[in-house]
């Protein structure tokens, strides 16, 4: 007989005791906390003391018939010693919980306890969101600062301003590749503003990109930008053919850049698309 059954149920299948969830969580040896705002796992722990204080923080003060249709701010998944899932709990606004054992939501006995627990684990929602917003603003500022000076104006298209500032097509390719190597450097899941160089690079003959890379063999930003562009998703009209034109030494330098980036997706893409001559 499980803890929910032992606790007893009232009408509509609702667990009728306030400590029913705590009874279930007694067998938990791991918790995974996911931020439902961005899907990021923010806590995973098997620490007994951390789990104990979490159980205390999830103590229920009262039940409510209200059922929220959203997924909550955080999702807490608990597993037992065998790795089996024993409970999923959704935390709403730091004040109430959803759990499959109840017919509605339950209100926390003391909301400050879960706030302190999340803060101690570095997962406090409002603070994380504020930090993320600040990081996004800084990233955008850094991206703008890394842009070629010719793009800081407002007259004419980006391509026109670049052509006027860098009439030599190989020099222009080098400048745009270096710009594309700024920011996160990721091939996927990057901020929208980092896609700005893509159409400019896509319009450049691959021969110009190759000559730019050959002219600057030690430029790490250019290598990063080239990997992003050449290994991204459908970034060139004839992407496979153009990659096949890369000289062996350029291909090897781009592979080395991707491997050293620490970005697993970027490395895997480079290995798959640059690792063997097509």
C-alpha atoms as a PDB file:
ATOM      1  CA  UNK A   1       0.000   0.000   0.000  1.00  0.00           C
ATOM      2  CA  UNK A   2       1.523   3.321  -1.055  1.00  0.00           C
ATOM      3  CA  UNK A   3       1.667   6.504   1.009  1.00  0.00           C
ATOM      4  CA  UNK A   4      -1.207   8.097  -0.858  1.00  0.00           C
ATOM      5  CA  UNK A   5      -3.485   5.147  -0.136  1.00  0.00           C
ATOM      6  CA  UNK A   6      -2.439   5.072   3.510  1.00  0.00           C
ATOM      7  CA  UNK A   7      -3.179   8.769   3.824  1.00  0.00           C
ATOM      8  CA  UNK A   8      -6.775   8.225   2.797  1.00  0.00           C
ATOM      9  CA  UNK A   9      -8.831   9.953   0.132  1.00  0.00           C
ATOM     10  CA  UNK A  10     -11.903  12.110   0.364  1.00  0.00           C
ATOM     11  CA  UNK A  11     -14.508  12.901  -2.256  1.00  0.00           C
ATOM     12  CA  UNK A  12     -13.351  13.360  -5.865  1.00  0.00           C
ATOM     13  CA  UNK A  13     -10.253  11.236  -5.124  1.00  0.00           C
ATOM     14  CA  UNK A  14      -8.515  13.950  -3.118  1.00  0.00           C
ATOM     15  CA  UNK A  15      -5.934  13.031  -0.487  1.00  0.00           C
ATOM     16  CA  UNK A  16      -7.347  14.343   2.771  1.00  0.00           C
ATOM     17  CA  UNK A  17      -4.238  14.681   4.946  1.00  0.00           C
ATOM     18  CA  UNK A  18      -1.815  17.578   4.752  1.00  0.00           C
ATOM     19  CA  UNK A  19       1.231  15.354   5.239  1.00  0.00           C
ATOM     20  CA  UNK A  20       0.470  12.906   2.379  1.00  0.00           C
ATOM     21  CA  UNK A  21       3.049  14.426   0.049  1.00  0.00           C
ATOM     22  CA  UNK A  22       5.660  14.402   2.775  1.00  0.00           C
ATOM     23  CA  UNK A  23       4.969  10.696   3.347  1.00  0.00           C
ATOM     24  CA  UNK A  24       5.667   9.984  -0.306  1.00  0.00           C
ATOM     25  CA  UNK A  25       8.816  12.101  -0.333  1.00  0.00           C
ATOM     26  CA  UNK A  26      10.316  10.174   2.582  1.00  0.00           C
ATOM     27  CA  UNK A  27      11.590   7.599   0.072  1.00  0.00           C
ATOM     28  CA  UNK A  28      13.060  10.194  -2.301  1.00  0.00           C
ATOM     29  CA  UNK A  29      16.830  10.064  -2.795  1.00  0.00           C
ATOM     30  CA  UNK A  30      17.037  12.548  -5.674  1.00  0.00           C
ATOM     31  CA  UNK A  31      15.239  15.657  -6.838  1.00  0.00           C
ATOM     32  CA  UNK A  32      15.496  17.399 -10.186  1.00  0.00           C
ATOM     33  CA  UNK A  33      14.169  20.950 -10.368  1.00  0.00           C
ATOM     34  CA  UNK A  34      13.335  22.384 -13.784  1.00  0.00           C
ATOM     35  CA  UNK A  35      12.561  26.022 -14.503  1.00  0.00           C
ATOM     36  CA  UNK A  36       9.379  25.876 -16.580  1.00  0.00           C
ATOM     37  CA  UNK A  37      10.124  29.322 -17.998  1.00  0.00           C
ATOM     38  CA  UNK A  38      13.068  28.138 -20.117  1.00  0.00           C
ATOM     39  CA  UNK A  39      13.098  24.363 -19.559  1.00  0.00           C
ATOM     40  CA  UNK A  40      16.489  24.527 -17.853  1.00  0.00           C
ATOM     41  CA  UNK A  41      17.366  22.042 -15.123  1.00  0.00           C
ATOM     42  CA  UNK A  42      18.459  24.286 -12.262  1.00  0.00           C
ATOM     43  CA  UNK A  43      18.966  21.773  -9.451  1.00  0.00           C
ATOM     44  CA  UNK A  44      19.767  18.084  -9.305  1.00  0.00           C
ATOM     45  CA  UNK A  45      20.822  16.701  -5.958  1.00  0.00           C
ATOM     46  CA  UNK A  46      20.970  13.542  -3.862  1.00  0.00           C
ATOM     47  CA  UNK A  47      22.211  15.371  -0.772  1.00  0.00           C
ATOM     48  CA  UNK A  48      20.178  14.089   2.184  1.00  0.00           C
ATOM     49  CA  UNK A  49      20.245  17.352   4.116  1.00  0.00           C
ATOM     50  CA  UNK A  50      19.193  19.349   1.059  1.00  0.00           C
ATOM     51  CA  UNK A  51      16.341  16.910   0.465  1.00  0.00           C
ATOM     52  CA  UNK A  52      15.316  17.111   4.118  1.00  0.00           C
ATOM     53  CA  UNK A  53      15.119  20.898   4.060  1.00  0.00           C
ATOM     54  CA  UNK A  54      13.183  20.716   0.790  1.00  0.00           C
ATOM     55  CA  UNK A  55      10.586  18.447   2.390  1.00  0.00           C
ATOM     56  CA  UNK A  56      10.237  20.959   5.197  1.00  0.00           C
ATOM     57  CA  UNK A  57       9.845  23.771   2.662  1.00  0.00           C
ATOM     58  CA  UNK A  58       7.065  21.852   0.890  1.00  0.00           C
ATOM     59  CA  UNK A  59       4.976  21.449   4.029  1.00  0.00           C
ATOM     60  CA  UNK A  60       1.327  22.108   3.195  1.00  0.00           C
ATOM     61  CA  UNK A  61      -0.881  24.448   5.199  1.00  0.00           C
ATOM     62  CA  UNK A  62      -4.244  24.055   3.446  1.00  0.00           C
ATOM     63  CA  UNK A  63      -6.015  22.720   0.358  1.00  0.00           C
ATOM     64  CA  UNK A  64      -7.844  24.672  -2.319  1.00  0.00           C
ATOM     65  CA  UNK A  65     -10.251  23.639  -5.063  1.00  0.00           C
ATOM     66  CA  UNK A  66      -8.470  25.897  -7.535  1.00  0.00           C
ATOM     67  CA  UNK A  67      -6.568  24.188 -10.359  1.00  0.00           C
ATOM     68  CA  UNK A  68      -4.221  26.389 -12.385  1.00  0.00           C
ATOM     69  CA  UNK A  69      -3.979  25.540 -16.092  1.00  0.00           C
ATOM     70  CA  UNK A  70      -0.329  26.631 -16.375  1.00  0.00           C
ATOM     71  CA  UNK A  71       2.643  24.386 -15.640  1.00  0.00           C
ATOM     72  CA  UNK A  72       3.869  26.419 -12.707  1.00  0.00           C
ATOM     73  CA  UNK A  73       7.147  28.228 -12.210  1.00  0.00           C
ATOM     74  CA  UNK A  74       9.186  25.156 -11.260  1.00  0.00           C
ATOM     75  CA  UNK A  75       8.723  21.429 -11.738  1.00  0.00           C
ATOM     76  CA  UNK A  76      10.195  19.160  -9.062  1.00  0.00           C
ATOM     77  CA  UNK A  77      10.712  15.515  -9.976  1.00  0.00           C
ATOM     78  CA  UNK A  78      11.503  13.064  -7.165  1.00  0.00           C
ATOM     79  CA  UNK A  79      13.050   9.604  -7.606  1.00  0.00           C
ATOM     80  CA  UNK A  80      13.644   6.729  -5.210  1.00  0.00           C
ATOM     81  CA  UNK A  81      16.796   4.648  -4.672  1.00  0.00           C
ATOM     82  CA  UNK A  82      15.943   2.510  -7.687  1.00  0.00           C
ATOM     83  CA  UNK A  83      15.716   5.535  -9.960  1.00  0.00           C
ATOM     84  CA  UNK A  84      11.927   5.254 -10.190  1.00  0.00           C
ATOM     85  CA  UNK A  85       9.842   8.410 -10.322  1.00  0.00           C
ATOM     86  CA  UNK A  86       7.723   8.740  -7.194  1.00  0.00           C
ATOM     87  CA  UNK A  87       6.298  12.247  -7.490  1.00  0.00           C
ATOM     88  CA  UNK A  88       6.154  15.307  -9.713  1.00  0.00           C
ATOM     89  CA  UNK A  89       5.294  18.577  -8.024  1.00  0.00           C
ATOM     90  CA  UNK A  90       4.682  21.940  -9.689  1.00  0.00           C
ATOM     91  CA  UNK A  91       5.406  25.101  -7.719  1.00  0.00           C
ATOM     92  CA  UNK A  92       3.207  28.082  -8.571  1.00  0.00           C
ATOM     93  CA  UNK A  93       4.448  31.582  -7.710  1.00  0.00           C
ATOM     94  CA  UNK A  94       6.219  30.282  -4.633  1.00  0.00           C
ATOM     95  CA  UNK A  95       2.924  29.878  -2.775  1.00  0.00           C
ATOM     96  CA  UNK A  96       1.064  26.764  -3.963  1.00  0.00           C
ATOM     97  CA  UNK A  97       1.715  23.249  -5.231  1.00  0.00           C
ATOM     98  CA  UNK A  98       0.223  20.848  -7.739  1.00  0.00           C
ATOM     99  CA  UNK A  99       0.680  17.137  -7.084  1.00  0.00           C
ATOM    100  CA  UNK A 100      -1.038  14.147  -8.633  1.00  0.00           C
ATOM    101  CA  UNK A 101      -2.267  13.001  -5.225  1.00  0.00           C
ATOM    102  CA  UNK A 102      -4.533  16.007  -4.791  1.00  0.00           C
ATOM    103  CA  UNK A 103      -7.710  17.040  -6.521  1.00  0.00           C
ATOM    104  CA  UNK A 104      -6.713  20.698  -6.466  1.00  0.00           C
ATOM    105  CA  UNK A 105      -3.784  22.771  -5.323  1.00  0.00           C
ATOM    106  CA  UNK A 106      -2.329  23.042  -1.852  1.00  0.00           C
ATOM    107  CA  UNK A 107      -1.035  26.208  -0.236  1.00  0.00           C
ATOM    108  CA  UNK A 108       2.369  26.129   1.400  1.00  0.00           C
ATOM    109  CA  UNK A 109       2.468  26.536   5.156  1.00  0.00           C
ATOM    110  CA  UNK A 110       5.394  28.973   4.892  1.00  0.00           C
ATOM    111  CA  UNK A 111       6.368  30.324   1.475  1.00  0.00           C
ATOM    112  CA  UNK A 112       9.579  31.835   2.792  1.00  0.00           C
ATOM    113  CA  UNK A 113      11.022  28.338   3.292  1.00  0.00           C
ATOM    114  CA  UNK A 114      10.843  27.396  -0.400  1.00  0.00           C
ATOM    115  CA  UNK A 115      12.121  30.840  -1.373  1.00  0.00           C
ATOM    116  CA  UNK A 116      15.145  30.361   0.882  1.00  0.00           C
ATOM    117  CA  UNK A 117      15.684  26.790  -0.377  1.00  0.00           C
ATOM    118  CA  UNK A 118      15.633  27.864  -4.020  1.00  0.00           C
ATOM    119  CA  UNK A 119      17.944  30.779  -3.277  1.00  0.00           C
ATOM    120  CA  UNK A 120      20.386  28.458  -1.481  1.00  0.00           C
ATOM    121  CA  UNK A 121      20.492  26.237  -4.558  1.00  0.00           C
ATOM    122  CA  UNK A 122      20.925  29.220  -6.899  1.00  0.00           C
ATOM    123  CA  UNK A 123      17.517  28.557  -8.457  1.00  0.00           C
ATOM    124  CA  UNK A 124      15.352  31.399  -7.148  1.00  0.00           C
ATOM    125  CA  UNK A 125      13.015  32.279 -10.003  1.00  0.00           C
ATOM    126  CA  UNK A 126      12.726  36.096  -9.944  1.00  0.00           C
ATOM    127  CA  UNK A 127      16.428  36.554  -9.243  1.00  0.00           C
ATOM    128  CA  UNK A 128      17.390  34.104 -12.001  1.00  0.00           C
ATOM    129  CA  UNK A 129      15.148  35.882 -14.468  1.00  0.00           C
ATOM    130  CA  UNK A 130      16.599  39.242 -13.544  1.00  0.00           C
ATOM    131  CA  UNK A 131      20.141  37.888 -13.944  1.00  0.00           C
ATOM    132  CA  UNK A 132      19.189  36.326 -17.299  1.00  0.00           C
ATOM    133  CA  UNK A 133      17.733  39.629 -18.506  1.00  0.00           C
ATOM    134  CA  UNK A 134      20.872  41.484 -17.433  1.00  0.00           C
ATOM    135  CA  UNK A 135      23.065  38.902 -19.162  1.00  0.00           C
ATOM    136  CA  UNK A 136      20.988  39.245 -22.329  1.00  0.00           C
ATOM    137  CA  UNK A 137      21.392  43.011 -22.271  1.00  0.00           C
ATOM    138  CA  UNK A 138      25.153  42.686 -21.770  1.00  0.00           C
ATOM    139  CA  UNK A 139      25.375  40.116 -24.574  1.00  0.00           C
ATOM    140  CA  UNK A 140      23.536  42.454 -26.944  1.00  0.00           C
ATOM    141  CA  UNK A 141      25.791  45.366 -25.960  1.00  0.00           C
ATOM    142  CA  UNK A 142      28.886  43.202 -26.523  1.00  0.00           C
ATOM    143  CA  UNK A 143      27.528  42.060 -29.888  1.00  0.00           C
ATOM    144  CA  UNK A 144      26.929  45.622 -31.007  1.00  0.00           C
ATOM    145  CA  UNK A 145      30.405  46.610 -29.850  1.00  0.00           C
ATOM    146  CA  UNK A 146      31.917  43.748 -31.865  1.00  0.00           C
ATOM    147  CA  UNK A 147      30.120  44.813 -35.059  1.00  0.00           C
ATOM    148  CA  UNK A 148      32.232  46.429 -37.782  1.00  0.00           C
ATOM    149  CA  UNK A 149      32.298  50.230 -37.298  1.00  0.00           C
ATOM    150  CA  UNK A 150      30.690  50.706 -40.703  1.00  0.00           C
ATOM    151  CA  UNK A 151      27.497  49.137 -39.381  1.00  0.00           C
ATOM    152  CA  UNK A 152      26.992  51.631 -36.569  1.00  0.00           C
ATOM    153  CA  UNK A 153      25.288  54.098 -38.879  1.00  0.00           C
ATOM    154  CA  UNK A 154      21.727  54.071 -40.138  1.00  0.00           C
ATOM    155  CA  UNK A 155      21.990  54.889 -43.847  1.00  0.00           C
ATOM    156  CA  UNK A 156      21.874  52.109 -46.415  1.00  0.00           C
ATOM    157  CA  UNK A 157      21.627  48.358 -46.007  1.00  0.00           C
ATOM    158  CA  UNK A 158      24.216  46.426 -44.007  1.00  0.00           C
ATOM    159  CA  UNK A 159      25.627  44.925 -47.196  1.00  0.00           C
ATOM    160  CA  UNK A 160      25.925  48.356 -48.818  1.00  0.00           C
ATOM    161  CA  UNK A 161      27.682  49.863 -45.819  1.00  0.00           C
ATOM    162  CA  UNK A 162      30.098  46.938 -45.602  1.00  0.00           C
ATOM    163  CA  UNK A 163      30.893  47.137 -49.293  1.00  0.00           C
ATOM    164  CA  UNK A 164      31.584  50.869 -49.035  1.00  0.00           C
ATOM    165  CA  UNK A 165      33.810  50.427 -45.980  1.00  0.00           C
ATOM    166  CA  UNK A 166      35.592  47.277 -47.223  1.00  0.00           C
ATOM    167  CA  UNK A 167      35.664  47.298 -51.031  1.00  0.00           C
ATOM    168  CA  UNK A 168      38.037  44.332 -51.151  1.00  0.00           C
ATOM    169  CA  UNK A 169      35.742  41.256 -50.995  1.00  0.00           C
ATOM    170  CA  UNK A 170      38.265  39.117 -49.117  1.00  0.00           C
ATOM    171  CA  UNK A 171      38.818  41.762 -46.450  1.00  0.00           C
ATOM    172  CA  UNK A 172      35.040  42.160 -46.210  1.00  0.00           C
ATOM    173  CA  UNK A 173      34.654  38.402 -45.742  1.00  0.00           C
ATOM    174  CA  UNK A 174      37.259  38.443 -42.957  1.00  0.00           C
ATOM    175  CA  UNK A 175      35.482  41.252 -41.119  1.00  0.00           C
ATOM    176  CA  UNK A 176      32.080  39.576 -41.266  1.00  0.00           C
ATOM    177  CA  UNK A 177      33.451  36.159 -40.275  1.00  0.00           C
ATOM    178  CA  UNK A 178      35.105  37.718 -37.217  1.00  0.00           C
ATOM    179  CA  UNK A 179      31.859  39.464 -36.288  1.00  0.00           C
ATOM    180  CA  UNK A 180      29.960  36.185 -36.668  1.00  0.00           C
ATOM    181  CA  UNK A 181      32.481  34.586 -34.302  1.00  0.00           C
ATOM    182  CA  UNK A 182      31.490  36.994 -31.531  1.00  0.00           C
ATOM    183  CA  UNK A 183      28.671  36.486 -29.066  1.00  0.00           C
ATOM    184  CA  UNK A 184      27.727  32.976 -28.000  1.00  0.00           C
ATOM    185  CA  UNK A 185      29.411  31.349 -30.984  1.00  0.00           C
ATOM    186  CA  UNK A 186      26.691  28.697 -31.092  1.00  0.00           C
ATOM    187  CA  UNK A 187      25.400  27.101 -34.293  1.00  0.00           C
ATOM    188  CA  UNK A 188      21.892  26.699 -32.865  1.00  0.00           C
ATOM    189  CA  UNK A 189      19.769  28.221 -30.084  1.00  0.00           C
ATOM    190  CA  UNK A 190      21.524  31.575 -30.170  1.00  0.00           C
ATOM    191  CA  UNK A 191      19.953  35.032 -29.654  1.00  0.00           C
ATOM    192  CA  UNK A 192      18.125  36.301 -32.720  1.00  0.00           C
ATOM    193  CA  UNK A 193      20.448  39.292 -33.200  1.00  0.00           C
ATOM    194  CA  UNK A 194      23.374  36.919 -33.790  1.00  0.00           C
ATOM    195  CA  UNK A 195      21.780  35.764 -37.057  1.00  0.00           C
ATOM    196  CA  UNK A 196      22.392  39.184 -38.656  1.00  0.00           C
ATOM    197  CA  UNK A 197      25.648  38.223 -40.463  1.00  0.00           C
ATOM    198  CA  UNK A 198      24.222  35.004 -41.929  1.00  0.00           C
ATOM    199  CA  UNK A 199      22.581  36.384 -45.101  1.00  0.00           C
ATOM    200  CA  UNK A 200      25.632  38.568 -45.760  1.00  0.00           C
ATOM    201  CA  UNK A 201      27.950  35.559 -45.531  1.00  0.00           C
ATOM    202  CA  UNK A 202      25.559  33.392 -47.542  1.00  0.00           C
ATOM    203  CA  UNK A 203      25.768  35.875 -50.428  1.00  0.00           C
ATOM    204  CA  UNK A 204      29.563  35.765 -50.474  1.00  0.00           C
ATOM    205  CA  UNK A 205      31.302  33.261 -52.773  1.00  0.00           C
ATOM    206  CA  UNK A 206      32.885  30.520 -50.719  1.00  0.00           C
ATOM    207  CA  UNK A 207      36.189  31.286 -52.449  1.00  0.00           C
ATOM    208  CA  UNK A 208      36.252  34.669 -50.690  1.00  0.00           C
ATOM    209  CA  UNK A 209      35.632  33.018 -47.324  1.00  0.00           C
ATOM    210  CA  UNK A 210      38.417  30.520 -47.978  1.00  0.00           C
ATOM    211  CA  UNK A 211      40.904  33.216 -48.993  1.00  0.00           C
ATOM    212  CA  UNK A 212      40.009  35.241 -45.887  1.00  0.00           C
ATOM    213  CA  UNK A 213      40.619  32.225 -43.651  1.00  0.00           C
ATOM    214  CA  UNK A 214      43.907  31.503 -45.412  1.00  0.00           C
ATOM    215  CA  UNK A 215      45.006  35.107 -44.961  1.00  0.00           C
ATOM    216  CA  UNK A 216      44.314  35.023 -41.197  1.00  0.00           C
ATOM    217  CA  UNK A 217      45.353  31.542 -39.975  1.00  0.00           C
ATOM    218  CA  UNK A 218      45.589  32.661 -36.354  1.00  0.00           C
ATOM    219  CA  UNK A 219      42.295  34.547 -36.013  1.00  0.00           C
ATOM    220  CA  UNK A 220      40.193  32.552 -33.532  1.00  0.00           C
ATOM    221  CA  UNK A 221      37.085  34.696 -34.013  1.00  0.00           C
ATOM    222  CA  UNK A 222      37.139  34.107 -37.750  1.00  0.00           C
ATOM    223  CA  UNK A 223      37.458  30.368 -37.234  1.00  0.00           C
ATOM    224  CA  UNK A 224      34.540  30.405 -34.803  1.00  0.00           C
ATOM    225  CA  UNK A 225      32.433  32.443 -37.205  1.00  0.00           C
ATOM    226  CA  UNK A 226      33.279  30.158 -40.110  1.00  0.00           C
ATOM    227  CA  UNK A 227      32.229  27.067 -38.180  1.00  0.00           C
ATOM    228  CA  UNK A 228      28.953  28.733 -37.192  1.00  0.00           C
ATOM    229  CA  UNK A 229      28.253  29.663 -40.773  1.00  0.00           C
ATOM    230  CA  UNK A 230      29.398  26.542 -42.590  1.00  0.00           C
ATOM    231  CA  UNK A 231      27.992  24.068 -40.072  1.00  0.00           C
ATOM    232  CA  UNK A 232      24.732  25.832 -39.250  1.00  0.00           C
ATOM    233  CA  UNK A 233      21.352  24.674 -40.518  1.00  0.00           C
ATOM    234  CA  UNK A 234      20.904  25.511 -44.227  1.00  0.00           C
ATOM    235  CA  UNK A 235      23.049  28.622 -44.023  1.00  0.00           C
ATOM    236  CA  UNK A 236      24.243  28.516 -47.658  1.00  0.00           C
ATOM    237  CA  UNK A 237      22.387  27.730 -50.902  1.00  0.00           C
ATOM    238  CA  UNK A 238      24.996  25.071 -51.803  1.00  0.00           C
ATOM    239  CA  UNK A 239      26.315  24.288 -48.354  1.00  0.00           C
ATOM    240  CA  UNK A 240      27.552  20.733 -48.894  1.00  0.00           C
ATOM    241  CA  UNK A 241      29.278  21.630 -52.160  1.00  0.00           C
ATOM    242  CA  UNK A 242      30.924  24.698 -50.620  1.00  0.00           C
ATOM    243  CA  UNK A 243      32.207  22.727 -47.633  1.00  0.00           C
ATOM    244  CA  UNK A 244      33.714  20.249 -50.076  1.00  0.00           C
ATOM    245  CA  UNK A 245      35.817  23.071 -51.541  1.00  0.00           C
ATOM    246  CA  UNK A 246      37.606  23.816 -48.259  1.00  0.00           C
ATOM    247  CA  UNK A 247      41.353  23.132 -48.448  1.00  0.00           C
ATOM    248  CA  UNK A 248      42.605  20.503 -46.020  1.00  0.00           C
ATOM    249  CA  UNK A 249      44.483  22.980 -43.778  1.00  0.00           C
ATOM    250  CA  UNK A 250      41.445  25.262 -43.480  1.00  0.00           C
ATOM    251  CA  UNK A 251      39.205  22.311 -42.691  1.00  0.00           C
ATOM    252  CA  UNK A 252      41.607  21.152 -39.966  1.00  0.00           C
ATOM    253  CA  UNK A 253      41.771  24.590 -38.369  1.00  0.00           C
ATOM    254  CA  UNK A 254      37.990  24.863 -38.290  1.00  0.00           C
ATOM    255  CA  UNK A 255      37.702  21.415 -36.737  1.00  0.00           C
ATOM    256  CA  UNK A 256      40.243  22.356 -34.085  1.00  0.00           C
ATOM    257  CA  UNK A 257      38.281  25.522 -33.334  1.00  0.00           C
ATOM    258  CA  UNK A 258      35.037  23.590 -32.886  1.00  0.00           C
ATOM    259  CA  UNK A 259      36.695  20.954 -30.689  1.00  0.00           C
ATOM    260  CA  UNK A 260      38.203  23.627 -28.445  1.00  0.00           C
ATOM    261  CA  UNK A 261      34.956  25.604 -28.137  1.00  0.00           C
ATOM    262  CA  UNK A 262      33.448  23.493 -25.359  1.00  0.00           C
ATOM    263  CA  UNK A 263      30.174  23.557 -27.302  1.00  0.00           C
ATOM    264  CA  UNK A 264      29.068  19.953 -27.789  1.00  0.00           C
ATOM    265  CA  UNK A 265      26.573  20.747 -30.535  1.00  0.00           C
ATOM    266  CA  UNK A 266      29.113  22.833 -32.450  1.00  0.00           C
ATOM    267  CA  UNK A 267      31.763  20.147 -32.119  1.00  0.00           C
ATOM    268  CA  UNK A 268      29.407  17.384 -33.270  1.00  0.00           C
ATOM    269  CA  UNK A 269      28.275  19.407 -36.275  1.00  0.00           C
ATOM    270  CA  UNK A 270      31.851  20.160 -37.261  1.00  0.00           C
ATOM    271  CA  UNK A 271      32.893  16.530 -36.879  1.00  0.00           C
ATOM    272  CA  UNK A 272      29.992  15.437 -39.053  1.00  0.00           C
ATOM    273  CA  UNK A 273      30.283  18.111 -41.722  1.00  0.00           C
ATOM    274  CA  UNK A 274      33.994  18.905 -41.772  1.00  0.00           C
ATOM    275  CA  UNK A 275      35.548  15.702 -40.453  1.00  0.00           C
ATOM    276  CA  UNK A 276      35.736  13.852 -43.750  1.00  0.00           C
ATOM    277  CA  UNK A 277      36.233  15.220 -47.248  1.00  0.00           C
ATOM    278  CA  UNK A 278      33.070  14.853 -49.251  1.00  0.00           C
END
